[in-house]
């Protein structure tokens, strides 16, 4: 390690990032994240509401499909007998 007050030679093309510069970048990054959070949070809340609505619709549709299937199973023997009677 070099003595305090001595100069360090920096190779060509090297980049020196000071702790102050790192801190400043961190502060700017935090501001950007905060700004994004204020935009994303309301959008996520709205999206969750839409997902819940779609889940309810899908469940209602599935219920109707099973009801129709059950009705077909119950009515099919009667429809078969009625068809035989009408075709005689």
N, C-alpha and C. Protein backbone atom coordinates (compact mmCIF):
# COMPACT_ATOMS: atom_id res chain seq x y z
N UNK A 1 0.85 -1.17 0.00
CA UNK A 1 0.00 0.00 0.00
C UNK A 1 0.90 1.24 0.00
N UNK A 2 0.42 2.30 -0.63
CA UNK A 2 1.25 3.50 -0.73
C UNK A 2 1.05 4.39 0.49
N UNK A 3 2.00 5.26 0.71
CA UNK A 3 1.98 6.19 1.84
C UNK A 3 0.97 7.30 1.56
N UNK A 4 0.33 7.84 2.61
CA UNK A 4 -0.60 8.94 2.40
C UNK A 4 0.11 10.13 1.75
N UNK A 5 -0.57 10.74 0.82
CA UNK A 5 -0.02 11.91 0.15
C UNK A 5 0.82 11.57 -1.07
N UNK A 6 1.10 10.29 -1.32
CA UNK A 6 1.86 9.94 -2.52
C UNK A 6 0.91 9.74 -3.68
N UNK A 7 1.41 9.99 -4.84
CA UNK A 7 0.59 9.84 -6.05
C UNK A 7 0.69 8.42 -6.58
N UNK A 8 -0.44 7.96 -7.08
CA UNK A 8 -0.49 6.63 -7.69
C UNK A 8 -0.59 6.83 -9.19
N UNK A 9 0.22 6.11 -9.94
CA UNK A 9 0.12 6.22 -11.40
C UNK A 9 -1.03 5.36 -11.87
N UNK A 10 -1.82 5.96 -12.75
CA UNK A 10 -3.00 5.29 -13.29
C UNK A 10 -2.70 4.90 -14.73
N UNK A 11 -2.86 3.63 -15.06
CA UNK A 11 -2.61 3.21 -16.44
C UNK A 11 -3.60 3.88 -17.39
N UNK A 12 -3.18 4.05 -18.65
CA UNK A 12 -4.06 4.62 -19.67
C UNK A 12 -5.31 3.75 -19.80
N UNK A 13 -6.46 4.38 -19.92
CA UNK A 13 -7.72 3.67 -20.11
C UNK A 13 -8.36 3.21 -18.80
N UNK A 14 -7.69 3.40 -17.68
CA UNK A 14 -8.24 2.99 -16.39
C UNK A 14 -9.28 4.00 -15.92
N UNK A 15 -10.20 3.53 -15.14
CA UNK A 15 -11.25 4.39 -14.60
C UNK A 15 -11.15 4.37 -13.09
N UNK A 16 -11.20 5.52 -12.48
CA UNK A 16 -11.18 5.60 -11.03
C UNK A 16 -12.55 6.07 -10.58
N UNK A 17 -13.16 5.27 -9.72
CA UNK A 17 -14.47 5.62 -9.18
C UNK A 17 -14.30 5.83 -7.69
N UNK A 18 -14.59 7.03 -7.26
CA UNK A 18 -14.41 7.36 -5.84
C UNK A 18 -15.62 6.92 -5.03
N UNK A 19 -15.44 6.76 -3.74
CA UNK A 19 -16.61 6.43 -2.90
C UNK A 19 -17.71 7.49 -2.99
N UNK A 20 -17.34 8.74 -3.16
CA UNK A 20 -18.33 9.80 -3.31
C UNK A 20 -19.15 9.60 -4.59
N UNK A 21 -18.48 9.23 -5.68
CA UNK A 21 -19.18 8.98 -6.94
C UNK A 21 -20.09 7.77 -6.81
N UNK A 22 -19.65 6.72 -6.10
CA UNK A 22 -20.48 5.55 -5.88
C UNK A 22 -21.73 5.92 -5.09
N UNK A 23 -21.54 6.72 -4.05
CA UNK A 23 -22.67 7.14 -3.23
C UNK A 23 -23.67 7.96 -4.06
N UNK A 24 -23.15 8.87 -4.88
CA UNK A 24 -24.04 9.69 -5.71
C UNK A 24 -24.84 8.82 -6.68
N UNK A 25 -24.20 7.83 -7.27
CA UNK A 25 -24.91 6.90 -8.17
C UNK A 25 -25.97 6.13 -7.42
N UNK A 26 -25.67 5.72 -6.20
CA UNK A 26 -26.62 4.99 -5.37
C UNK A 26 -27.84 5.84 -5.05
N UNK A 27 -27.61 7.11 -4.74
CA UNK A 27 -28.71 8.02 -4.45
C UNK A 27 -29.58 8.20 -5.69
N UNK A 28 -28.98 8.38 -6.84
CA UNK A 28 -29.75 8.53 -8.08
C UNK A 28 -30.53 7.26 -8.41
N UNK A 29 -29.92 6.11 -8.18
CA UNK A 29 -30.60 4.84 -8.41
C UNK A 29 -31.81 4.71 -7.50
N UNK A 30 -31.66 5.10 -6.25
CA UNK A 30 -32.77 5.05 -5.30
C UNK A 30 -33.91 5.95 -5.75
N UNK A 31 -33.60 7.13 -6.25
CA UNK A 31 -34.63 8.04 -6.75
C UNK A 31 -35.37 7.41 -7.93
N UNK A 32 -34.63 6.77 -8.81
CA UNK A 32 -35.25 6.12 -9.97
C UNK A 32 -36.17 4.98 -9.54
N UNK A 33 -35.72 4.20 -8.57
CA UNK A 33 -36.54 3.09 -8.07
C UNK A 33 -37.81 3.62 -7.41
N UNK A 34 -37.68 4.67 -6.63
CA UNK A 34 -38.85 5.27 -5.98
C UNK A 34 -39.85 5.78 -7.02
N UNK A 35 -39.33 6.39 -8.07
CA UNK A 35 -40.19 6.90 -9.14
C UNK A 35 -40.94 5.75 -9.83
N UNK A 36 -40.22 4.68 -10.11
CA UNK A 36 -40.85 3.51 -10.74
C UNK A 36 -41.88 2.88 -9.82
N UNK A 37 -41.60 2.84 -8.54
CA UNK A 37 -42.53 2.25 -7.58
C UNK A 37 -43.86 2.99 -7.58
N UNK A 38 -43.80 4.32 -7.68
CA UNK A 38 -45.05 5.09 -7.68
C UNK A 38 -45.88 4.81 -8.93
N UNK A 39 -45.25 4.37 -10.00
CA UNK A 39 -45.97 4.05 -11.23
C UNK A 39 -46.44 2.59 -11.22
N UNK A 40 -45.59 1.70 -10.78
CA UNK A 40 -45.86 0.26 -10.87
C UNK A 40 -46.89 -0.19 -9.84
N UNK A 41 -46.83 0.31 -8.62
CA UNK A 41 -47.74 -0.15 -7.57
C UNK A 41 -49.21 0.03 -7.93
N UNK A 42 -49.66 1.20 -8.40
CA UNK A 42 -51.07 1.32 -8.79
C UNK A 42 -51.43 0.40 -9.96
N UNK A 43 -50.51 0.22 -10.89
CA UNK A 43 -50.79 -0.65 -12.03
C UNK A 43 -50.96 -2.10 -11.56
N UNK A 44 -50.13 -2.53 -10.63
CA UNK A 44 -50.26 -3.89 -10.10
C UNK A 44 -51.56 -4.08 -9.35
N UNK A 45 -51.98 -3.08 -8.61
CA UNK A 45 -53.24 -3.16 -7.88
C UNK A 45 -54.40 -3.32 -8.86
N UNK A 46 -54.37 -2.54 -9.91
CA UNK A 46 -55.43 -2.63 -10.93
C UNK A 46 -55.40 -3.99 -11.61
N UNK A 47 -54.22 -4.48 -11.91
CA UNK A 47 -54.07 -5.78 -12.57
C UNK A 47 -54.60 -6.91 -11.68
N UNK A 48 -54.33 -6.85 -10.39
CA UNK A 48 -54.84 -7.88 -9.47
C UNK A 48 -56.36 -7.90 -9.49
N UNK A 49 -56.99 -6.74 -9.58
CA UNK A 49 -58.45 -6.68 -9.66
C UNK A 49 -58.96 -7.34 -10.92
N UNK A 50 -58.29 -7.12 -12.05
CA UNK A 50 -58.69 -7.74 -13.30
C UNK A 50 -58.54 -9.26 -13.24
N UNK A 51 -57.47 -9.73 -12.61
CA UNK A 51 -57.24 -11.18 -12.50
C UNK A 51 -58.35 -11.81 -11.68
N UNK A 52 -58.73 -11.18 -10.57
CA UNK A 52 -59.80 -11.72 -9.75
C UNK A 52 -61.11 -11.78 -10.54
N UNK A 53 -61.38 -10.75 -11.33
CA UNK A 53 -62.59 -10.72 -12.15
C UNK A 53 -62.58 -11.85 -13.16
N UNK A 54 -61.45 -12.08 -13.81
CA UNK A 54 -61.37 -13.15 -14.80
C UNK A 54 -61.51 -14.52 -14.15
N UNK A 55 -60.95 -14.70 -12.97
CA UNK A 55 -61.09 -15.98 -12.28
C UNK A 55 -62.55 -16.27 -11.98
N UNK A 56 -63.28 -15.26 -11.55
CA UNK A 56 -64.71 -15.43 -11.27
C UNK A 56 -65.48 -15.80 -12.54
N UNK A 57 -65.15 -15.15 -13.62
CA UNK A 57 -65.83 -15.46 -14.89
C UNK A 57 -65.53 -16.88 -15.35
N UNK A 58 -64.29 -17.29 -15.23
CA UNK A 58 -63.91 -18.64 -15.65
C UNK A 58 -64.62 -19.68 -14.80
N UNK A 59 -64.70 -19.46 -13.49
CA UNK A 59 -65.40 -20.41 -12.61
C UNK A 59 -66.88 -20.50 -12.98
N UNK A 60 -67.51 -19.37 -13.27
CA UNK A 60 -68.92 -19.38 -13.66
C UNK A 60 -69.11 -20.14 -14.97
N UNK A 61 -68.20 -19.94 -15.90
CA UNK A 61 -68.28 -20.64 -17.18
C UNK A 61 -68.10 -22.15 -16.99
N UNK A 62 -67.13 -22.54 -16.18
CA UNK A 62 -66.93 -23.96 -15.91
C UNK A 62 -68.15 -24.58 -15.25
N UNK A 63 -68.80 -23.84 -14.36
CA UNK A 63 -70.02 -24.34 -13.70
C UNK A 63 -71.12 -24.59 -14.72
N UNK A 64 -71.27 -23.67 -15.66
CA UNK A 64 -72.30 -23.83 -16.70
C UNK A 64 -72.00 -25.03 -17.61
N UNK A 65 -70.73 -25.24 -17.91
CA UNK A 65 -70.36 -26.39 -18.76
C UNK A 65 -70.73 -27.68 -18.06
N UNK A 66 -70.44 -27.79 -16.78
CA UNK A 66 -70.77 -29.02 -16.04
C UNK A 66 -72.28 -29.18 -15.91
N UNK A 67 -73.01 -28.11 -15.75
CA UNK A 67 -74.47 -28.20 -15.69
C UNK A 67 -75.03 -28.70 -17.03
N UNK A 68 -74.50 -28.16 -18.13
CA UNK A 68 -74.97 -28.60 -19.45
C UNK A 68 -74.62 -30.06 -19.68
N UNK A 69 -73.45 -30.48 -19.27
CA UNK A 69 -73.04 -31.87 -19.43
C UNK A 69 -73.97 -32.79 -18.61
N UNK A 70 -74.28 -32.40 -17.40
CA UNK A 70 -75.18 -33.18 -16.55
C UNK A 70 -76.57 -33.27 -17.17
N UNK A 71 -77.06 -32.16 -17.72
CA UNK A 71 -78.37 -32.17 -18.37
C UNK A 71 -78.36 -33.10 -19.57
N UNK A 72 -77.29 -33.12 -20.33
CA UNK A 72 -77.20 -34.02 -21.49
C UNK A 72 -77.24 -35.48 -21.06
N UNK A 73 -76.54 -35.79 -19.98
CA UNK A 73 -76.52 -37.17 -19.48
C UNK A 73 -77.91 -37.58 -19.01
N UNK A 74 -78.62 -36.70 -18.33
CA UNK A 74 -79.94 -37.01 -17.80
C UNK A 74 -80.97 -37.11 -18.93
N UNK A 75 -80.90 -36.23 -19.91
CA UNK A 75 -81.91 -36.18 -20.97
C UNK A 75 -81.65 -37.14 -22.12
N UNK A 76 -80.44 -37.62 -22.31
CA UNK A 76 -80.14 -38.44 -23.48
C UNK A 76 -80.96 -39.72 -23.58
N UNK A 77 -81.22 -40.46 -22.52
CA UNK A 77 -82.08 -41.66 -22.69
C UNK A 77 -83.49 -41.29 -23.15
N UNK A 78 -84.06 -40.22 -22.60
CA UNK A 78 -85.40 -39.80 -23.00
C UNK A 78 -85.44 -39.34 -24.44
N UNK A 79 -84.42 -38.64 -24.88
CA UNK A 79 -84.36 -38.18 -26.26
C UNK A 79 -84.24 -39.37 -27.20
N UNK A 80 -83.47 -40.38 -26.81
CA UNK A 80 -83.32 -41.59 -27.62
C UNK A 80 -84.64 -42.32 -27.75
N UNK A 81 -85.38 -42.45 -26.64
CA UNK A 81 -86.70 -43.12 -26.70
C UNK A 81 -87.68 -42.32 -27.54
N UNK A 82 -87.69 -41.01 -27.39
CA UNK A 82 -88.59 -40.14 -28.16
C UNK A 82 -88.27 -40.26 -29.65
N UNK A 83 -87.02 -40.31 -29.99
CA UNK A 83 -86.62 -40.45 -31.39
C UNK A 83 -87.12 -41.78 -31.95
N UNK A 84 -86.99 -42.85 -31.20
CA UNK A 84 -87.50 -44.16 -31.64
C UNK A 84 -88.99 -44.12 -31.87
N UNK A 85 -89.74 -43.47 -30.98
CA UNK A 85 -91.20 -43.39 -31.12
C UNK A 85 -91.58 -42.59 -32.36
N UNK A 86 -90.90 -41.48 -32.58
CA UNK A 86 -91.23 -40.62 -33.72
C UNK A 86 -90.85 -41.23 -35.05
N UNK A 87 -89.84 -42.07 -35.07
CA UNK A 87 -89.40 -42.65 -36.34
C UNK A 87 -90.17 -43.91 -36.71
N UNK A 88 -91.00 -44.43 -35.85
CA UNK A 88 -91.77 -45.64 -36.17
C UNK A 88 -92.92 -45.37 -37.07
